[in-house]
C-alpha atoms as a PDB file:
ATOM      1  CA  MET A   1       4.664   3.408  -6.670  1.00  0.00           C
ATOM      2  CA  LYS A   2       3.822   6.969  -5.649  1.00  0.00           C
ATOM      3  CA  ILE A   3       2.719   7.874  -2.127  1.00  0.00           C
ATOM      4  CA  GLY A   4       1.192  11.275  -1.408  1.00  0.00           C
ATOM      5  CA  ILE A   5       1.858  12.845   1.998  1.00  0.00           C
ATOM      6  CA  ASP A   6       0.000  15.808   3.469  1.00  0.00           C
ATOM      7  CA  ILE A   7       2.947  17.897   4.653  1.00  0.00           C
ATOM      8  CA  LEU A   8       0.724  20.521   6.297  1.00  0.00           C
ATOM      9  CA  GLY A   9      -1.357  18.078   8.373  1.00  0.00           C
ATOM     10  CA  GLY A  10      -0.660  17.386  12.037  1.00  0.00           C
ATOM     11  CA  ASP A  11       0.235  19.267  15.199  1.00  0.00           C
ATOM     12  CA  TYR A  12       3.954  19.316  14.385  1.00  0.00           C
ATOM     13  CA  ALA A  13       3.764  19.949  10.645  1.00  0.00           C
ATOM     14  CA  PRO A  14       5.693  20.671   8.521  1.00  0.00           C
ATOM     15  CA  GLU A  15       8.805  19.828  10.559  1.00  0.00           C
ATOM     16  CA  ALA A  16       7.606  16.368  11.604  1.00  0.00           C
ATOM     17  CA  THR A  17       6.006  15.504   8.263  1.00  0.00           C
ATOM     18  CA  VAL A  18       9.002  16.492   6.152  1.00  0.00           C
ATOM     19  CA  GLY A  19      11.327  14.838   8.672  1.00  0.00           C
ATOM     20  CA  GLY A  20       9.258  11.655   8.509  1.00  0.00           C
ATOM     21  CA  ALA A  21       9.354  11.697   4.709  1.00  0.00           C
ATOM     22  CA  ILE A  22      13.154  12.018   4.825  1.00  0.00           C
ATOM     23  CA  LEU A  23      13.388   9.056   7.221  1.00  0.00           C
ATOM     24  CA  ALA A  24      11.011   6.975   5.085  1.00  0.00           C
ATOM     25  CA  ALA A  25      12.884   7.755   1.868  1.00  0.00           C
ATOM     26  CA  GLY A  26      15.903   5.931   3.219  1.00  0.00           C
ATOM     27  CA  SER A  27      13.847   2.794   3.939  1.00  0.00           C
ATOM     28  CA  LEU A  28      11.858   2.529   0.700  1.00  0.00           C
ATOM     29  CA  PRO A  29      12.902   0.983  -2.619  1.00  0.00           C
ATOM     30  CA  SER A  30      14.367   3.445  -5.106  1.00  0.00           C
ATOM     31  CA  GLU A  31      11.380   3.040  -7.415  1.00  0.00           C
ATOM     32  CA  THR A  32       9.006   4.342  -4.736  1.00  0.00           C
ATOM     33  CA  ARG A  33       8.403   8.066  -5.130  1.00  0.00           C
ATOM     34  CA  LEU A  34       7.118  10.290  -2.327  1.00  0.00           C
ATOM     35  CA  VAL A  35       4.887  13.178  -3.351  1.00  0.00           C
ATOM     36  CA  LEU A  36       4.957  15.922  -0.733  1.00  0.00           C
ATOM     37  CA  ILE A  37       1.895  18.164  -0.749  1.00  0.00           C
ATOM     38  CA  GLY A  38       2.585  21.438   1.034  1.00  0.00           C
ATOM     39  CA  ASP A  39       4.672  24.593   1.184  1.00  0.00           C
ATOM     40  CA  GLU A  40       7.608  24.071  -1.179  1.00  0.00           C
ATOM     41  CA  ASN A  41       9.721  26.759   0.504  1.00  0.00           C
ATOM     42  CA  ALA A  42       9.267  25.112   3.911  1.00  0.00           C
ATOM     43  CA  ILE A  43      10.016  21.669   2.482  1.00  0.00           C
ATOM     44  CA  ARG A  44      13.242  22.845   0.867  1.00  0.00           C
ATOM     45  CA  ALA A  45      14.305  24.753   3.987  1.00  0.00           C
ATOM     46  CA  ILE A  46      13.825  21.701   6.222  1.00  0.00           C
ATOM     47  CA  CYS A  47      15.667  19.484   3.739  1.00  0.00           C
ATOM     48  CA  LYS A  48      18.547  21.976   3.694  1.00  0.00           C
ATOM     49  CA  ARG A  49      18.795  21.966   7.491  1.00  0.00           C
ATOM     50  CA  LYS A  50      18.882  18.171   7.449  1.00  0.00           C
ATOM     51  CA  ASN A  51      21.394  18.011   4.576  1.00  0.00           C
ATOM     52  CA  PHE A  52      18.920  16.096   2.425  1.00  0.00           C
ATOM     53  CA  ASP A  53      18.471  16.466  -1.323  1.00  0.00           C
ATOM     54  CA  PRO A  54      14.838  17.563  -1.958  1.00  0.00           C
ATOM     55  CA  SER A  55      15.003  16.343  -5.571  1.00  0.00           C
ATOM     56  CA  VAL A  56      14.284  12.875  -4.142  1.00  0.00           C
ATOM     57  CA  PHE A  57      10.691  14.101  -3.658  1.00  0.00           C
ATOM     58  CA  GLU A  58       8.012  15.357  -5.969  1.00  0.00           C
ATOM     59  CA  ILE A  59       6.529  18.522  -4.499  1.00  0.00           C
ATOM     60  CA  VAL A  60       2.996  19.794  -5.042  1.00  0.00           C
ATOM     61  CA  HIS A  61       3.051  23.336  -3.726  1.00  0.00           C
ATOM     62  CA  THR A  62       0.329  24.831  -1.549  1.00  0.00           C
ATOM     63  CA  THR A  63       0.264  26.886   1.617  1.00  0.00           C
ATOM     64  CA  GLU A  64      -3.424  26.250   2.348  1.00  0.00           C
ATOM     65  CA  PHE A  65      -4.515  23.585   4.821  1.00  0.00           C
ATOM     66  CA  ILE A  66      -7.531  22.536   6.877  1.00  0.00           C
ATOM     67  CA  GLN A  67      -6.987  23.251  10.546  1.00  0.00           C
ATOM     68  CA  MET A  68      -7.951  20.761  13.246  1.00  0.00           C
ATOM     69  CA  GLY A  69     -10.814  22.865  14.584  1.00  0.00           C
ATOM     70  CA  GLU A  70     -12.469  23.623  11.246  1.00  0.00           C
ATOM     71  CA  HIS A  71     -15.756  22.078  10.127  1.00  0.00           C
ATOM     72  CA  PRO A  72     -14.548  19.198   7.907  1.00  0.00           C
ATOM     73  CA  ALA A  73     -17.194  19.196   5.160  1.00  0.00           C
ATOM     74  CA  ARG A  74     -17.373  22.981   4.892  1.00  0.00           C
ATOM     75  CA  ALA A  75     -13.607  23.423   4.835  1.00  0.00           C
ATOM     76  CA  PHE A  76     -13.171  20.617   2.290  1.00  0.00           C
ATOM     77  CA  THR A  77     -15.608  22.373  -0.042  1.00  0.00           C
ATOM     78  CA  GLN A  78     -14.340  25.915   0.458  1.00  0.00           C
ATOM     79  CA  LYS A  79     -10.576  25.296   0.516  1.00  0.00           C
ATOM     80  CA  GLN A  80      -9.959  23.806  -2.902  1.00  0.00           C
ATOM     81  CA  ASN A  81      -6.196  24.305  -2.662  1.00  0.00           C
ATOM     82  CA  ALA A  82      -5.868  22.789   0.807  1.00  0.00           C
ATOM     83  CA  SER A  83      -3.257  20.038   1.052  1.00  0.00           C
ATOM     84  CA  VAL A  84      -5.851  17.376   1.949  1.00  0.00           C
ATOM     85  CA  VAL A  85      -8.090  18.345  -0.976  1.00  0.00           C
ATOM     86  CA  LEU A  86      -5.153  18.263  -3.401  1.00  0.00           C
ATOM     87  CA  GLY A  87      -4.125  14.865  -2.064  1.00  0.00           C
ATOM     88  CA  PHE A  88      -7.541  13.381  -2.755  1.00  0.00           C
ATOM     89  CA  ARG A  89      -7.595  15.001  -6.182  1.00  0.00           C
ATOM     90  CA  LEU A  90      -4.279  13.367  -7.061  1.00  0.00           C
ATOM     91  CA  LEU A  91      -5.489  10.024  -5.719  1.00  0.00           C
ATOM     92  CA  SER A  92      -8.778  10.165  -7.624  1.00  0.00           C
ATOM     93  CA  HIS A  93      -6.874  10.957 -10.842  1.00  0.00           C
ATOM     94  CA  ARG A  94      -4.496   8.038 -10.108  1.00  0.00           C
ATOM     95  CA  GLU A  95      -1.489  10.332 -10.044  1.00  0.00           C
ATOM     96  CA  ILE A  96      -0.580   8.754  -6.699  1.00  0.00           C
ATOM     97  CA  ASP A  97      -1.231   5.210  -5.460  1.00  0.00           C
ATOM     98  CA  GLY A  98      -2.017   6.093  -1.850  1.00  0.00           C
ATOM     99  CA  PHE A  99      -2.542   9.185   0.306  1.00  0.00           C
ATOM    100  CA  ALA A 100      -1.589   9.686   3.959  1.00  0.00           C
ATOM    101  CA  SER A 101      -2.208  12.483   6.450  1.00  0.00           C
ATOM    102  CA  ALA A 102      -1.978  13.300  10.154  1.00  0.00           C
ATOM    103  CA  GLY A 103      -4.313  16.246   9.627  1.00  0.00           C
ATOM    104  CA  ASN A 104      -8.022  16.839  10.246  1.00  0.00           C
ATOM    105  CA  THR A 105      -9.555  13.337  10.497  1.00  0.00           C
ATOM    106  CA  GLY A 106     -13.017  14.621   9.602  1.00  0.00           C
ATOM    107  CA  ALA A 107     -11.693  16.154   6.394  1.00  0.00           C
ATOM    108  CA  MET A 108      -9.957  12.881   5.562  1.00  0.00           C
ATOM    109  CA  MET A 109     -13.265  11.071   5.988  1.00  0.00           C
ATOM    110  CA  VAL A 110     -15.051  13.616   3.795  1.00  0.00           C
ATOM    111  CA  GLY A 111     -12.485  13.073   1.055  1.00  0.00           C
ATOM    112  CA  ALA A 112     -12.630   9.306   1.441  1.00  0.00           C
ATOM    113  CA  MET A 113     -16.427   9.159   1.227  1.00  0.00           C
ATOM    114  CA  GLN A 114     -17.101  11.930  -1.301  1.00  0.00           C
ATOM    115  CA  VAL A 115     -14.095  11.676  -3.620  1.00  0.00           C
ATOM    116  CA  ILE A 116     -12.788   8.100  -3.380  1.00  0.00           C
ATOM    117  CA  LYS A 117     -16.124   6.576  -2.248  1.00  0.00           C
ATOM    118  CA  SER A 118     -17.068   3.208  -0.807  1.00  0.00           C
ATOM    119  CA  ILE A 119     -16.452  -0.052  -2.610  1.00  0.00           C
ATOM    120  CA  PRO A 120     -19.767  -1.356  -4.008  1.00  0.00           C
ATOM    121  CA  GLY A 121     -21.335  -3.705  -1.472  1.00  0.00           C
ATOM    122  CA  VAL A 122     -19.627  -2.156   1.571  1.00  0.00           C
ATOM    123  CA  ILE A 123     -22.333  -0.684   3.802  1.00  0.00           C
ATOM    124  CA  ARG A 124     -20.046   1.571   5.847  1.00  0.00           C
ATOM    125  CA  PRO A 125     -16.242   1.795   5.741  1.00  0.00           C
ATOM    126  CA  CYS A 126     -14.362   1.515   9.023  1.00  0.00           C
ATOM    127  CA  ILE A 127     -10.918   1.936  10.523  1.00  0.00           C
ATOM    128  CA  ALA A 128      -8.880  -0.603  12.447  1.00  0.00           C
ATOM    129  CA  ALA A 129      -6.184  -0.351  15.084  1.00  0.00           C
ATOM    130  CA  VAL A 130      -3.284  -2.754  15.556  1.00  0.00           C
ATOM    131  CA  VAL A 131      -3.077  -3.902  19.181  1.00  0.00           C
ATOM    132  CA  PRO A 132       0.087  -5.653  20.501  1.00  0.00           C
ATOM    133  CA  GLN A 133      -0.161  -9.237  21.719  1.00  0.00           C
ATOM    134  CA  GLN A 134       2.249 -11.334  23.735  1.00  0.00           C
ATOM    135  CA  GLY A 135       3.434 -13.166  20.624  1.00  0.00           C
ATOM    136  CA  ASP A 136       4.979 -11.705  17.497  1.00  0.00           C
ATOM    137  CA  THR A 137       1.661 -11.247  15.672  1.00  0.00           C
ATOM    138  CA  PRO A 138      -0.490  -8.228  16.571  1.00  0.00           C
ATOM    139  CA  MET A 139      -4.279  -8.194  16.859  1.00  0.00           C
ATOM    140  CA  LEU A 140      -6.615  -6.072  14.759  1.00  0.00           C
ATOM    141  CA  LEU A 141      -9.457  -4.173  16.472  1.00  0.00           C
ATOM    142  CA  LEU A 142     -12.245  -2.689  14.342  1.00  0.00           C
ATOM    143  CA  ASP A 143     -14.111  -0.395  14.141  1.00  0.00           C
ATOM    144  CA  VAL A 144     -12.311   2.082  16.401  1.00  0.00           C
ATOM    145  CA  GLY A 145     -14.229   5.276  15.876  1.00  0.00           C
ATOM    146  CA  ILE A 146     -15.925   5.987  12.555  1.00  0.00           C
ATOM    147  CA  ASN A 147     -19.224   4.220  13.255  1.00  0.00           C
ATOM    148  CA  PRO A 148     -20.387   4.416  16.889  1.00  0.00           C
ATOM    149  CA  ASP A 149     -23.667   2.656  16.041  1.00  0.00           C
ATOM    150  CA  CYS A 150     -23.614  -0.528  13.968  1.00  0.00           C
ATOM    151  CA  ASN A 151     -26.102  -3.214  13.026  1.00  0.00           C
ATOM    152  CA  GLN A 152     -25.356  -6.899  12.672  1.00  0.00           C
ATOM    153  CA  GLU A 153     -24.747  -6.754   8.920  1.00  0.00           C
ATOM    154  CA  GLU A 154     -22.126  -4.052   9.380  1.00  0.00           C
ATOM    155  CA  LEU A 155     -20.359  -5.998  12.114  1.00  0.00           C
ATOM    156  CA  ASN A 156     -20.321  -9.044   9.858  1.00  0.00           C
ATOM    157  CA  GLN A 157     -18.762  -6.942   7.098  1.00  0.00           C
ATOM    158  CA  TYR A 158     -16.105  -5.650   9.498  1.00  0.00           C
ATOM    159  CA  ALA A 159     -15.078  -9.262  10.008  1.00  0.00           C
ATOM    160  CA  ILE A 160     -14.651  -9.653   6.238  1.00  0.00           C
ATOM    161  CA  LEU A 161     -12.684  -6.395   5.962  1.00  0.00           C
ATOM    162  CA  GLY A 162     -10.500  -7.297   8.931  1.00  0.00           C
ATOM    163  CA  ASP A 163      -9.826 -10.769   7.579  1.00  0.00           C
ATOM    164  CA  ILE A 164      -8.598  -9.372   4.255  1.00  0.00           C
ATOM    165  CA  TYR A 165      -6.437  -6.742   5.985  1.00  0.00           C
ATOM    166  CA  ALA A 166      -4.907  -9.325   8.324  1.00  0.00           C
ATOM    167  CA  ARG A 167      -4.088 -11.661   5.431  1.00  0.00           C
ATOM    168  CA  GLN A 168      -2.837  -9.103   2.911  1.00  0.00           C
ATOM    169  CA  VAL A 169      -1.000  -6.618   5.146  1.00  0.00           C
ATOM    170  CA  LEU A 170      -0.270  -8.335   8.475  1.00  0.00           C
ATOM    171  CA  ASN A 171       0.549 -11.657   6.738  1.00  0.00           C
ATOM    172  CA  ILE A 172      -1.632 -13.790   9.033  1.00  0.00           C
ATOM    173  CA  ALA A 173      -2.442 -16.919   7.034  1.00  0.00           C
ATOM    174  CA  SER A 174      -5.711 -17.863   8.754  1.00  0.00           C
ATOM    175  CA  PRO A 175      -6.795 -15.051  11.084  1.00  0.00           C
ATOM    176  CA  ARG A 176      -9.165 -15.936  13.915  1.00  0.00           C
ATOM    177  CA  VAL A 177     -12.119 -13.552  14.167  1.00  0.00           C
ATOM    178  CA  GLY A 178     -13.810 -12.849  17.502  1.00  0.00           C
ATOM    179  CA  LEU A 179     -16.893 -10.764  18.273  1.00  0.00           C
ATOM    180  CA  LEU A 180     -16.250  -8.473  21.247  1.00  0.00           C
ATOM    181  CA  ASN A 181     -18.973  -9.158  23.803  1.00  0.00           C
ATOM    182  CA  ILE A 182     -19.765  -9.275  27.531  1.00  0.00           C
ATOM    183  CA  GLY A 183     -19.360 -13.030  27.724  1.00  0.00           C
ATOM    184  CA  GLU A 184     -18.057 -16.008  25.753  1.00  0.00           C
ATOM    185  CA  GLU A 185     -21.404 -17.822  25.586  1.00  0.00           C
ATOM    186  CA  GLU A 186     -23.316 -17.598  22.320  1.00  0.00           C
ATOM    187  CA  GLY A 187     -26.449 -16.213  23.988  1.00  0.00           C
ATOM    188  CA  LYS A 188     -24.660 -13.289  25.664  1.00  0.00           C
ATOM    189  CA  GLY A 189     -24.865  -9.646  24.610  1.00  0.00           C
ATOM    190  CA  ASN A 190     -27.391  -7.141  23.347  1.00  0.00           C
ATOM    191  CA  LEU A 191     -29.741  -7.725  20.422  1.00  0.00           C
ATOM    192  CA  VAL A 192     -27.229  -6.525  17.836  1.00  0.00           C
ATOM    193  CA  SER A 193     -24.365  -8.687  19.097  1.00  0.00           C
ATOM    194  CA  LYS A 194     -26.613 -11.761  19.289  1.00  0.00           C
ATOM    195  CA  ALA A 195     -27.755 -11.230  15.709  1.00  0.00           C
ATOM    196  CA  ALA A 196     -24.185 -10.539  14.569  1.00  0.00           C
ATOM    197  CA  HIS A 197     -23.003 -13.744  16.239  1.00  0.00           C
ATOM    198  CA  GLN A 198     -25.541 -15.728  14.241  1.00  0.00           C
ATOM    199  CA  LEU A 199     -24.389 -14.170  10.955  1.00  0.00           C
ATOM    200  CA  MET A 200     -20.708 -14.612  11.733  1.00  0.00           C
ATOM    201  CA  LYS A 201     -21.145 -18.175  12.987  1.00  0.00           C
ATOM    202  CA  ASP A 202     -22.700 -19.202   9.683  1.00  0.00           C
ATOM    203  CA  SER A 203     -20.159 -17.385   7.473  1.00  0.00           C
ATOM    204  CA  ALA A 204     -17.660 -19.275   5.349  1.00  0.00           C
ATOM    205  CA  LEU A 205     -15.740 -16.072   4.535  1.00  0.00           C
ATOM    206  CA  PHE A 206     -13.624 -15.998   7.708  1.00  0.00           C
ATOM    207  CA  ASN A 207     -12.539 -18.153  10.639  1.00  0.00           C
ATOM    208  CA  PHE A 208     -14.988 -17.200  13.409  1.00  0.00           C
ATOM    209  CA  VAL A 209     -13.959 -18.302  16.913  1.00  0.00           C
ATOM    210  CA  GLY A 210     -16.999 -16.913  18.740  1.00  0.00           C
ATOM    211  CA  ASN A 211     -17.412 -14.227  21.379  1.00  0.00           C
ATOM    212  CA  VAL A 212     -14.388 -12.691  23.056  1.00  0.00           C
ATOM    213  CA  GLU A 213     -14.310 -10.397  26.079  1.00  0.00           C
ATOM    214  CA  GLY A 214     -12.479  -7.207  26.958  1.00  0.00           C
ATOM    215  CA  SER A 215     -10.089  -9.233  29.094  1.00  0.00           C
ATOM    216  CA  ASP A 216      -8.982 -11.007  25.902  1.00  0.00           C
ATOM    217  CA  LEU A 217      -7.649  -7.791  24.351  1.00  0.00           C
ATOM    218  CA  PHE A 218      -4.006  -8.766  24.882  1.00  0.00           C
ATOM    219  CA  SER A 219      -4.393 -12.526  25.337  1.00  0.00           C
ATOM    220  CA  GLY A 220      -3.924 -13.660  21.746  1.00  0.00           C
ATOM    221  CA  LYS A 221      -7.253 -15.497  21.725  1.00  0.00           C
ATOM    222  CA  ALA A 222      -8.223 -13.846  18.431  1.00  0.00           C
ATOM    223  CA  ASP A 223      -6.318 -12.155  15.606  1.00  0.00           C
ATOM    224  CA  ILE A 224      -9.262  -9.849  14.879  1.00  0.00           C
ATOM    225  CA  MET A 225     -11.790  -8.376  17.306  1.00  0.00           C
ATOM    226  CA  VAL A 226     -14.966  -6.928  15.813  1.00  0.00           C
ATOM    227  CA  CYS A 227     -17.081  -4.289  17.563  1.00  0.00           C
ATOM    228  CA  ASP A 228     -18.876  -1.007  16.909  1.00  0.00           C
ATOM    229  CA  GLY A 229     -16.865   2.199  16.782  1.00  0.00           C
ATOM    230  CA  PHE A 230     -18.057   3.377  20.197  1.00  0.00           C
ATOM    231  CA  VAL A 231     -16.782   0.312  22.033  1.00  0.00           C
ATOM    232  CA  GLY A 232     -13.676   0.055  19.860  1.00  0.00           C
ATOM    233  CA  ASN A 233     -12.670   3.635  20.509  1.00  0.00           C
ATOM    234  CA  VAL A 234     -13.107   3.188  24.267  1.00  0.00           C
ATOM    235  CA  MET A 235     -10.969   0.027  24.155  1.00  0.00           C
ATOM    236  CA  LEU A 236      -8.272   1.746  22.096  1.00  0.00           C
ATOM    237  CA  LYS A 237      -8.123   4.770  24.412  1.00  0.00           C
ATOM    238  CA  GLU A 238      -7.894   2.412  27.385  1.00  0.00           C
ATOM    239  CA  ALA A 239      -4.856   0.744  25.801  1.00  0.00           C
ATOM    240  CA  GLU A 240      -3.305   4.172  25.195  1.00  0.00           C
ATOM    241  CA  ALA A 241      -3.965   5.117  28.838  1.00  0.00           C
ATOM    242  CA  PHE A 242      -2.333   1.856  29.934  1.00  0.00           C
ATOM    243  CA  TYR A 243       0.797   2.722  27.952  1.00  0.00           C
ATOM    244  CA  GLY A 244       0.791   6.251  29.387  1.00  0.00           C
ATOM    245  CA  MET A 245       0.657   4.860  32.921  1.00  0.00           C
ATOM    246  CA  ILE A 246       3.551   2.506  32.198  1.00  0.00           C
ATOM    247  CA  ARG A 247       5.625   5.440  30.925  1.00  0.00           C
ATOM    248  CA  LYS A 248       4.816   7.590  33.968  1.00  0.00           C
ATOM    249  CA  ARG A 249       5.891   4.783  36.281  1.00  0.00           C
ATOM    250  CA  LYS A 250       9.171   4.572  34.311  1.00  0.00           C
ATOM    251  CA  ILE A 251       8.730   0.873  33.600  1.00  0.00           C
ATOM    252  CA  VAL A 252      11.033  -0.233  30.796  1.00  0.00           C
ATOM    253  CA  ASP A 253       9.819  -3.323  28.954  1.00  0.00           C
ATOM    254  CA  ASP A 254      10.035  -4.304  25.280  1.00  0.00           C
ATOM    255  CA  PHE A 255       6.451  -5.583  25.198  1.00  0.00           C
ATOM    256  CA  PHE A 256       4.967  -2.457  26.750  1.00  0.00           C
ATOM    257  CA  GLU A 257       6.902  -0.301  24.287  1.00  0.00           C
ATOM    258  CA  LYS A 258       4.882  -1.921  21.496  1.00  0.00           C
ATOM    259  CA  PHE A 259       1.940   0.181  22.704  1.00  0.00           C
ATOM    260  CA  ASN A 260       3.653   3.374  21.564  1.00  0.00           C
ATOM    261  CA  PHE A 261       1.558   4.492  18.581  1.00  0.00           C
ATOM    262  CA  VAL A 262       4.596   5.845  16.726  1.00  0.00           C
ATOM    263  CA  HIS A 263       5.570   2.267  15.813  1.00  0.00           C
ATOM    264  CA  TYR A 264       2.388   1.816  13.748  1.00  0.00           C
ATOM    265  CA  GLY A 265       2.159   5.250  12.131  1.00  0.00           C
ATOM    266  CA  GLY A 266      -1.436   5.072  10.965  1.00  0.00           C
ATOM    267  CA  THR A 267      -4.308   2.973   9.743  1.00  0.00           C
ATOM    268  CA  PRO A 268      -6.164   2.640   6.426  1.00  0.00           C
ATOM    269  CA  ILE A 269      -9.816   3.432   5.927  1.00  0.00           C
ATOM    270  CA  LEU A 270     -11.152  -0.017   5.053  1.00  0.00           C
ATOM    271  CA  GLY A 271     -13.834  -0.373   2.404  1.00  0.00           C
ATOM    272  CA  ILE A 272     -13.045   2.507   0.032  1.00  0.00           C
ATOM    273  CA  ASN A 273     -11.731   2.397  -3.542  1.00  0.00           C
ATOM    274  CA  ALA A 274      -8.127   3.502  -2.949  1.00  0.00           C
ATOM    275  CA  PRO A 275      -5.564   3.487  -0.107  1.00  0.00           C
ATOM    276  CA  VAL A 276      -6.167   6.356   2.333  1.00  0.00           C
ATOM    277  CA  MET A 277      -4.209   6.387   5.601  1.00  0.00           C
ATOM    278  CA  ILE A 278      -5.046   8.317   8.764  1.00  0.00           C
ATOM    279  CA  ALA A 279      -2.445   9.125  11.438  1.00  0.00           C
ATOM    280  CA  HIS A 280      -2.582  10.606  14.941  1.00  0.00           C
ATOM    281  CA  GLY A 281      -2.476  14.409  14.993  1.00  0.00           C
ATOM    282  CA  ILE A 282       0.428  14.389  17.458  1.00  0.00           C
ATOM    283  CA  SER A 283       2.600  12.252  15.176  1.00  0.00           C
ATOM    284  CA  ASN A 284       6.330  12.997  15.283  1.00  0.00           C
ATOM    285  CA  ASP A 285       8.803  12.303  12.488  1.00  0.00           C
ATOM    286  CA  VAL A 286       9.176   8.613  13.447  1.00  0.00           C
ATOM    287  CA  ALA A 287       5.391   8.139  13.416  1.00  0.00           C
ATOM    288  CA  ILE A 288       5.175   9.825   9.996  1.00  0.00           C
ATOM    289  CA  LYS A 289       7.964   7.580   8.718  1.00  0.00           C
ATOM    290  CA  ASN A 290       6.042   4.503   9.857  1.00  0.00           C
ATOM    291  CA  LEU A 291       2.822   5.926   8.427  1.00  0.00           C
ATOM    292  CA  ILE A 292       4.495   6.137   5.015  1.00  0.00           C
ATOM    293  CA  LEU A 293       6.014   2.660   5.294  1.00  0.00           C
ATOM    294  CA  HIS A 294       2.638   1.218   6.296  1.00  0.00           C
ATOM    295  CA  THR A 295       1.014   2.987   3.341  1.00  0.00           C
ATOM    296  CA  ALA A 296       3.504   1.202   1.088  1.00  0.00           C
ATOM    297  CA  GLU A 297       2.576  -2.115   2.732  1.00  0.00           C
ATOM    298  CA  VAL A 298      -1.122  -1.473   2.101  1.00  0.00           C
ATOM    299  CA  ILE A 299      -0.447  -0.622  -1.545  1.00  0.00           C
ATOM    300  CA  ASN A 300       1.859  -3.630  -2.032  1.00  0.00           C
ATOM    301  CA  GLY A 301      -0.711  -5.871  -0.330  1.00  0.00           C
ATOM    302  CA  ASN A 302      -3.236  -4.874  -2.998  1.00  0.00           C
ATOM    303  CA  LEU A 303      -5.690  -4.393  -0.128  1.00  0.00           C
ATOM    304  CA  CYS A 304      -8.348  -2.356  -1.909  1.00  0.00           C
ATOM    305  CA  GLU A 305      -8.468  -4.696  -4.890  1.00  0.00           C
ATOM    306  CA  LYS A 306      -8.787  -7.735  -2.622  1.00  0.00           C
ATOM    307  CA  ILE A 307     -11.706  -6.085  -0.809  1.00  0.00           C
ATOM    308  CA  LYS A 308     -13.365  -5.227  -4.134  1.00  0.00           C
ATOM    309  CA  GLU A 309     -12.952  -8.827  -5.240  1.00  0.00           C
ATOM    310  CA  ALA A 310     -14.460 -10.163  -2.018  1.00  0.00           C
ATOM    311  CA  PHE A 311     -17.496  -7.929  -2.246  1.00  0.00           C
ATOM    312  CA  ARG A 312     -18.047  -8.655  -5.924  1.00  0.00           C
ATOM    313  CA  GLU A 313     -18.267 -12.332  -5.054  1.00  0.00           C
ATOM    314  CA  CYS A 314     -20.340 -11.858  -1.916  1.00  0.00           C
ATOM    315  CA  PRO A 315     -21.816  -8.333  -1.763  1.00  0.00           C
ATOM    316  CA  GLU A 316     -23.817  -8.850   1.416  1.00  0.00           C
END
């Protein structure tokens, strides 16, 4: 297995990204190779300071990167030697098995959609966030930002994508799927959610448990919550704000610490032809380590192939 990492992406790159790669290297099987895409001189200098042998890595040298404030599509086209562009090139040529970055999210989406492309049958790819629950198993919330406006067919597909992710990566044997709504009753919601409920209720592709409410976010009532990207992003930011408040009040609790994003590292873009992982721009070395480890889990879970298989059998 080869995992490509954008060393120049993120607010604290390259120190955090190289540091995260060093941490991850000690937790991965020896046959897993990390391909660092970035400034070779900086990579070697950081490894030297940390007394780490850089020969453990493969290095693809470039000093060019897409900055956070740049126009994603324009920069992706104009900066052909940017670390993100090179990462997608390697992935499309199957020289790496997965690609991860904490850099410009828009540029990552451009690469995902234009280079790797959607799996046939998937209307619109999405991203999911892992939300802690009171038990040992987390909950999956999707979409959390790519698609602010969704129709009922797309929401139904998110349930399929989430179900496969939960089974293959989170190891949930029979995930319960809920539709995020303003009430539990079947007739509640706007026109889209009512139509989506009808589709999901009649589906044999996942275990639908009906409508769930915002108050169920941490209750464990569902293993997967489906919503449009507008609502999902608001819910996710609310959870982040909750964790921030807990930290400011100096409350120490093992459950609340699960809300620290560094423990999850990043999330895959669901519905495209190869593993692409997006991380928070403020990721530190621990977050980058977990991003890399989660990328390995996605690759080992054969997630993309399972999604392709599902949509070949039922392309709606």
